Amino acid sequence: VPLDDDMEGADEGGTLGLYENEYNTRPPPSSFIHKLSVYTGGIEPTANEAKILRHKQATQKPKQKLGTFLGVFLPCIQNIFGVLLFVRMPWISGVAGGLQFFLMVGFCCLCTTIT
């Protein structure tokens, strides 16, 4: 049995050698993933369909991004009111009373419906 000291001079070739016989037959994972990302389903559009698609893309308006109010503030408020409505419902009804409880539930439902 050779010791580790005896193996220092051996050339390993930079590979582990575990799957050495498959290095030349299998493509690297990056090319496989790239092929999956550009896969079109094997159906090429006809010339007329391609022309229609290019026309739609050229005339299509750019999508508007959500701003600070619709993208940040409203979802946060919806989350807060959701917690108020579902987690704290018994506590709110006990402390606030019937009328104020139904007003709060209505307000929470209205905010959830709006967003």
N, C-alpha and C. Protein backbone atom coordinates (compact mmCIF):
# COMPACT_ATOMS: atom_id res chain seq x y z
N VAL A 1 0.86 -1.17 0.00
CA VAL A 1 0.00 0.00 0.00
C VAL A 1 0.90 1.23 0.00
N PRO A 2 0.80 2.09 -1.03
CA PRO A 2 1.65 3.28 -1.06
C PRO A 2 1.17 4.32 -0.04
N LEU A 3 2.11 5.02 0.52
CA LEU A 3 1.79 6.09 1.45
C LEU A 3 1.50 7.37 0.68
N ASP A 4 0.92 8.35 1.39
CA ASP A 4 0.63 9.63 0.75
C ASP A 4 1.90 10.32 0.28
N ASP A 5 2.99 10.13 1.01
CA ASP A 5 4.25 10.76 0.63
C ASP A 5 4.74 10.22 -0.71
N ASP A 6 4.44 8.96 -1.01
CA ASP A 6 4.87 8.36 -2.27
C ASP A 6 4.08 8.91 -3.45
N MET A 7 2.87 9.41 -3.21
CA MET A 7 1.98 9.86 -4.28
C MET A 7 2.19 11.32 -4.66
N GLU A 8 3.07 12.04 -3.95
CA GLU A 8 3.24 13.47 -4.22
C GLU A 8 3.72 13.73 -5.63
N GLY A 9 4.55 12.88 -6.15
CA GLY A 9 5.10 13.12 -7.48
C GLY A 9 4.19 12.68 -8.60
N ALA A 10 3.12 11.97 -8.30
CA ALA A 10 2.24 11.45 -9.36
C ALA A 10 1.43 12.59 -9.97
N ASP A 11 1.27 12.54 -11.28
CA ASP A 11 0.50 13.56 -11.99
C ASP A 11 -0.95 13.10 -12.06
N GLU A 12 -1.84 13.93 -11.53
CA GLU A 12 -3.26 13.58 -11.52
C GLU A 12 -3.99 14.18 -12.71
N GLY A 13 -3.39 15.06 -13.44
CA GLY A 13 -4.01 15.61 -14.63
C GLY A 13 -5.09 16.63 -14.34
N GLY A 14 -5.26 17.10 -13.13
CA GLY A 14 -6.25 18.12 -12.81
C GLY A 14 -7.67 17.62 -12.70
N THR A 15 -7.90 16.32 -12.76
CA THR A 15 -9.26 15.79 -12.65
C THR A 15 -9.32 14.79 -11.52
N LEU A 16 -10.51 14.54 -11.08
CA LEU A 16 -10.68 13.55 -10.03
C LEU A 16 -10.70 12.14 -10.59
N GLY A 17 -11.02 11.99 -11.83
CA GLY A 17 -11.01 10.70 -12.46
C GLY A 17 -12.22 9.84 -12.15
N LEU A 18 -13.20 10.37 -11.45
CA LEU A 18 -14.35 9.56 -11.07
C LEU A 18 -15.22 9.24 -12.29
N TYR A 19 -15.49 10.25 -13.10
CA TYR A 19 -16.30 10.06 -14.30
C TYR A 19 -15.47 10.35 -15.54
N GLU A 20 -14.24 9.96 -15.53
CA GLU A 20 -13.30 10.31 -16.60
C GLU A 20 -13.75 9.76 -17.94
N ASN A 21 -14.36 8.60 -17.97
CA ASN A 21 -14.78 8.02 -19.25
C ASN A 21 -15.97 8.76 -19.86
N GLU A 22 -16.68 9.60 -19.11
CA GLU A 22 -17.83 10.33 -19.63
C GLU A 22 -17.51 11.77 -20.00
N TYR A 23 -16.27 12.21 -19.80
CA TYR A 23 -15.92 13.60 -20.07
C TYR A 23 -16.14 13.97 -21.53
N ASN A 24 -15.84 13.07 -22.44
CA ASN A 24 -15.93 13.38 -23.86
C ASN A 24 -17.31 13.10 -24.44
N THR A 25 -18.12 12.31 -23.78
CA THR A 25 -19.41 11.94 -24.36
C THR A 25 -20.57 12.80 -23.86
N ARG A 26 -20.46 13.37 -22.68
CA ARG A 26 -21.56 14.17 -22.14
C ARG A 26 -21.23 15.65 -22.25
N PRO A 27 -22.19 16.48 -22.64
CA PRO A 27 -21.94 17.92 -22.70
C PRO A 27 -21.85 18.49 -21.29
N PRO A 28 -21.19 19.61 -21.12
CA PRO A 28 -21.14 20.22 -19.80
C PRO A 28 -22.53 20.69 -19.37
N PRO A 29 -22.80 20.76 -18.07
CA PRO A 29 -24.14 21.16 -17.61
C PRO A 29 -24.57 22.55 -18.08
N SER A 30 -23.62 23.46 -18.27
CA SER A 30 -23.99 24.80 -18.69
C SER A 30 -24.61 24.80 -20.09
N SER A 31 -24.11 23.98 -21.00
CA SER A 31 -24.70 23.94 -22.34
C SER A 31 -26.08 23.28 -22.30
N PHE A 32 -26.26 22.30 -21.44
CA PHE A 32 -27.57 21.67 -21.31
C PHE A 32 -28.59 22.66 -20.77
N ILE A 33 -28.21 23.43 -19.77
CA ILE A 33 -29.13 24.43 -19.19
C ILE A 33 -29.43 25.51 -20.22
N HIS A 34 -28.43 25.92 -21.01
CA HIS A 34 -28.67 26.92 -22.05
C HIS A 34 -29.65 26.39 -23.09
N LYS A 35 -29.51 25.13 -23.47
CA LYS A 35 -30.44 24.54 -24.42
C LYS A 35 -31.87 24.52 -23.88
N LEU A 36 -32.01 24.25 -22.59
CA LEU A 36 -33.34 24.28 -21.99
C LEU A 36 -33.92 25.69 -21.96
N SER A 37 -33.08 26.68 -21.74
CA SER A 37 -33.58 28.04 -21.62
C SER A 37 -34.03 28.61 -22.96
N VAL A 38 -33.47 28.15 -24.05
CA VAL A 38 -33.85 28.67 -25.36
C VAL A 38 -34.77 27.71 -26.12
N TYR A 39 -35.29 26.71 -25.46
CA TYR A 39 -36.15 25.72 -26.10
C TYR A 39 -37.46 26.37 -26.54
N THR A 40 -37.85 26.15 -27.78
CA THR A 40 -39.06 26.76 -28.31
C THR A 40 -40.17 25.76 -28.53
N GLY A 41 -40.01 24.55 -28.11
CA GLY A 41 -41.06 23.56 -28.25
C GLY A 41 -41.03 22.85 -29.59
N GLY A 42 -40.09 23.15 -30.42
CA GLY A 42 -39.97 22.46 -31.69
C GLY A 42 -40.92 22.95 -32.75
N ILE A 43 -41.71 23.95 -32.49
CA ILE A 43 -42.67 24.46 -33.47
C ILE A 43 -42.20 25.85 -33.90
N GLU A 44 -41.79 25.94 -35.13
CA GLU A 44 -41.33 27.22 -35.66
C GLU A 44 -42.53 27.96 -36.26
N PRO A 45 -42.64 29.26 -36.00
CA PRO A 45 -43.75 30.01 -36.60
C PRO A 45 -43.54 30.17 -38.10
N THR A 46 -44.65 30.26 -38.81
CA THR A 46 -44.57 30.49 -40.25
C THR A 46 -44.11 31.92 -40.50
N ALA A 47 -43.84 32.24 -41.74
CA ALA A 47 -43.36 33.60 -42.07
C ALA A 47 -44.43 34.63 -41.73
N ASN A 48 -45.69 34.30 -42.01
CA ASN A 48 -46.78 35.23 -41.71
C ASN A 48 -46.94 35.41 -40.20
N GLU A 49 -46.87 34.31 -39.44
CA GLU A 49 -46.98 34.40 -37.98
C GLU A 49 -45.83 35.21 -37.39
N ALA A 50 -44.62 35.00 -37.91
CA ALA A 50 -43.47 35.76 -37.42
C ALA A 50 -43.64 37.24 -37.70
N LYS A 51 -44.18 37.58 -38.87
CA LYS A 51 -44.42 38.98 -39.21
C LYS A 51 -45.45 39.59 -38.27
N ILE A 52 -46.50 38.86 -37.96
CA ILE A 52 -47.54 39.35 -37.04
C ILE A 52 -46.97 39.53 -35.64
N LEU A 53 -46.16 38.58 -35.18
CA LEU A 53 -45.56 38.69 -33.86
C LEU A 53 -44.62 39.89 -33.77
N ARG A 54 -43.81 40.11 -34.82
CA ARG A 54 -42.91 41.27 -34.81
C ARG A 54 -43.70 42.56 -34.79
N HIS A 55 -44.81 42.62 -35.52
CA HIS A 55 -45.65 43.81 -35.55
C HIS A 55 -46.28 44.07 -34.18
N LYS A 56 -46.75 43.00 -33.52
CA LYS A 56 -47.33 43.16 -32.19
C LYS A 56 -46.30 43.65 -31.18
N GLN A 57 -45.09 43.12 -31.27
CA GLN A 57 -44.04 43.53 -30.34
C GLN A 57 -43.61 44.97 -30.58
N ALA A 58 -43.63 45.40 -31.84
CA ALA A 58 -43.23 46.77 -32.16
C ALA A 58 -44.28 47.78 -31.73
N THR A 59 -45.56 47.42 -31.84
CA THR A 59 -46.62 48.36 -31.50
C THR A 59 -47.07 48.26 -30.05
N GLN A 60 -46.57 47.27 -29.32
CA GLN A 60 -47.00 47.07 -27.94
C GLN A 60 -46.38 48.15 -27.04
N LYS A 61 -47.21 48.70 -26.18
CA LYS A 61 -46.73 49.72 -25.24
C LYS A 61 -45.90 49.03 -24.16
N PRO A 62 -44.86 49.70 -23.69
CA PRO A 62 -44.08 49.10 -22.60
C PRO A 62 -44.93 49.02 -21.32
N LYS A 63 -44.75 47.91 -20.62
CA LYS A 63 -45.53 47.72 -19.40
C LYS A 63 -45.07 48.70 -18.34
N GLN A 64 -46.05 49.25 -17.64
CA GLN A 64 -45.73 50.20 -16.60
C GLN A 64 -45.35 49.46 -15.34
N LYS A 65 -44.31 49.92 -14.69
CA LYS A 65 -43.86 49.29 -13.46
C LYS A 65 -44.67 49.83 -12.29
N LEU A 66 -44.73 49.04 -11.24
CA LEU A 66 -45.42 49.48 -10.04
C LEU A 66 -44.57 50.53 -9.34
N GLY A 67 -45.20 51.59 -8.90
CA GLY A 67 -44.47 52.63 -8.20
C GLY A 67 -44.36 52.34 -6.72
N THR A 68 -44.01 53.37 -5.99
CA THR A 68 -43.85 53.21 -4.55
C THR A 68 -45.18 52.93 -3.87
N PHE A 69 -46.23 53.59 -4.31
CA PHE A 69 -47.52 53.43 -3.64
C PHE A 69 -48.13 52.06 -3.94
N LEU A 70 -48.24 51.71 -5.22
CA LEU A 70 -48.87 50.43 -5.58
C LEU A 70 -47.96 49.23 -5.35
N GLY A 71 -46.66 49.42 -5.44
CA GLY A 71 -45.75 48.30 -5.32
C GLY A 71 -45.25 48.03 -3.92
N VAL A 72 -45.25 49.06 -3.05
CA VAL A 72 -44.69 48.88 -1.71
C VAL A 72 -45.73 49.17 -0.63
N PHE A 73 -46.30 50.37 -0.67
CA PHE A 73 -47.17 50.81 0.42
C PHE A 73 -48.44 49.96 0.53
N LEU A 74 -49.14 49.79 -0.59
CA LEU A 74 -50.40 49.05 -0.54
C LEU A 74 -50.22 47.58 -0.14
N PRO A 75 -49.24 46.84 -0.67
CA PRO A 75 -49.06 45.47 -0.18
C PRO A 75 -48.71 45.38 1.30
N CYS A 76 -47.94 46.34 1.80
CA CYS A 76 -47.60 46.34 3.24
C CYS A 76 -48.84 46.62 4.08
N ILE A 77 -49.64 47.58 3.67
CA ILE A 77 -50.88 47.87 4.40
C ILE A 77 -51.83 46.69 4.33
N GLN A 78 -51.89 46.03 3.20
CA GLN A 78 -52.75 44.85 3.07
C GLN A 78 -52.30 43.76 4.03
N ASN A 79 -51.01 43.58 4.17
CA ASN A 79 -50.49 42.58 5.09
C ASN A 79 -50.83 42.95 6.54
N ILE A 80 -50.66 44.20 6.89
CA ILE A 80 -50.96 44.66 8.26
C ILE A 80 -52.43 44.47 8.57
N PHE A 81 -53.30 44.89 7.66
CA PHE A 81 -54.74 44.74 7.91
C PHE A 81 -55.16 43.27 7.89
N GLY A 82 -54.47 42.45 7.11
CA GLY A 82 -54.76 41.02 7.14
C GLY A 82 -54.47 40.42 8.50
N VAL A 83 -53.37 40.85 9.11
CA VAL A 83 -53.05 40.38 10.45
C VAL A 83 -54.08 40.89 11.44
N LEU A 84 -54.47 42.15 11.30
CA LEU A 84 -55.51 42.69 12.19
C LEU A 84 -56.81 41.91 12.07
N LEU A 85 -57.17 41.57 10.83
CA LEU A 85 -58.45 40.93 10.61
C LEU A 85 -58.48 39.49 11.10
N PHE A 86 -57.48 38.71 10.79
CA PHE A 86 -57.56 37.28 11.04
C PHE A 86 -56.92 36.84 12.35
N VAL A 87 -55.87 37.49 12.78
CA VAL A 87 -55.18 37.06 13.99
C VAL A 87 -55.78 37.72 15.23
N ARG A 88 -56.12 39.00 15.10
CA ARG A 88 -56.57 39.76 16.27
C ARG A 88 -58.09 39.93 16.34
N MET A 89 -58.83 39.20 15.54
CA MET A 89 -60.28 39.37 15.49
C MET A 89 -60.96 39.20 16.85
N PRO A 90 -60.68 38.15 17.62
CA PRO A 90 -61.35 38.03 18.93
C PRO A 90 -60.98 39.17 19.89
N TRP A 91 -59.72 39.58 19.86
CA TRP A 91 -59.30 40.65 20.76
C TRP A 91 -59.97 41.97 20.38
N ILE A 92 -60.05 42.26 19.07
CA ILE A 92 -60.67 43.51 18.62
C ILE A 92 -62.15 43.53 18.99
N SER A 93 -62.82 42.41 18.79
CA SER A 93 -64.26 42.39 19.11
C SER A 93 -64.49 42.53 20.61
N GLY A 94 -63.59 42.00 21.42
CA GLY A 94 -63.76 42.13 22.87
C GLY A 94 -63.48 43.52 23.37
N VAL A 95 -62.49 44.18 22.82
CA VAL A 95 -62.11 45.51 23.31
C VAL A 95 -62.94 46.60 22.66
N ALA A 96 -63.14 46.56 21.37
CA ALA A 96 -63.78 47.65 20.66
C ALA A 96 -65.30 47.59 20.75
N GLY A 97 -65.87 46.43 20.80
CA GLY A 97 -67.32 46.32 20.78
C GLY A 97 -67.82 45.96 19.40
N GLY A 98 -69.09 45.71 19.31
CA GLY A 98 -69.69 45.20 18.08
C GLY A 98 -69.61 46.15 16.91
N LEU A 99 -70.04 47.40 17.10
CA LEU A 99 -70.10 48.35 15.98
C LEU A 99 -68.71 48.66 15.44
N GLN A 100 -67.79 48.98 16.33
CA GLN A 100 -66.43 49.30 15.89
C GLN A 100 -65.73 48.08 15.30
N PHE A 101 -66.05 46.91 15.82
CA PHE A 101 -65.47 45.69 15.26
C PHE A 101 -65.91 45.51 13.82
N PHE A 102 -67.21 45.67 13.53
CA PHE A 102 -67.68 45.50 12.16
C PHE A 102 -67.16 46.59 11.24
N LEU A 103 -66.96 47.79 11.75
CA LEU A 103 -66.35 48.84 10.94
C LEU A 103 -64.90 48.48 10.58
N MET A 104 -64.16 47.97 11.56
CA MET A 104 -62.78 47.57 11.31
C MET A 104 -62.71 46.41 10.31
N VAL A 105 -63.57 45.42 10.47
CA VAL A 105 -63.59 44.29 9.54
C VAL A 105 -63.97 44.77 8.14
N GLY A 106 -64.93 45.65 8.04
CA GLY A 106 -65.32 46.20 6.75
C GLY A 106 -64.19 46.98 6.09
N PHE A 107 -63.47 47.75 6.90
CA PHE A 107 -62.34 48.51 6.37
C PHE A 107 -61.23 47.57 5.89
N CYS A 108 -60.96 46.53 6.66
CA CYS A 108 -59.93 45.56 6.26
C CYS A 108 -60.33 44.84 4.96
N CYS A 109 -61.56 44.43 4.87
CA CYS A 109 -62.04 43.76 3.65
C CYS A 109 -62.00 44.70 2.45
N LEU A 110 -62.35 45.97 2.68
CA LEU A 110 -62.31 46.95 1.60
C LEU A 110 -60.88 47.14 1.10
N CYS A 111 -59.93 47.24 2.02
CA CYS A 111 -58.52 47.40 1.62
C CYS A 111 -58.02 46.16 0.87
N THR A 112 -58.42 45.00 1.31
CA THR A 112 -58.01 43.78 0.63
C THR A 112 -58.62 43.69 -0.76
N THR A 113 -59.87 44.10 -0.89
CA THR A 113 -60.55 44.07 -2.18
C THR A 113 -59.93 45.07 -3.16
N ILE A 114 -59.55 46.23 -2.67
CA ILE A 114 -58.97 47.24 -3.52
C ILE A 114 -57.63 46.79 -4.08
N THR A 115 -56.85 46.16 -3.23
CA THR A 115 -55.51 45.76 -3.69
C THR A 115 -55.59 44.40 -4.33
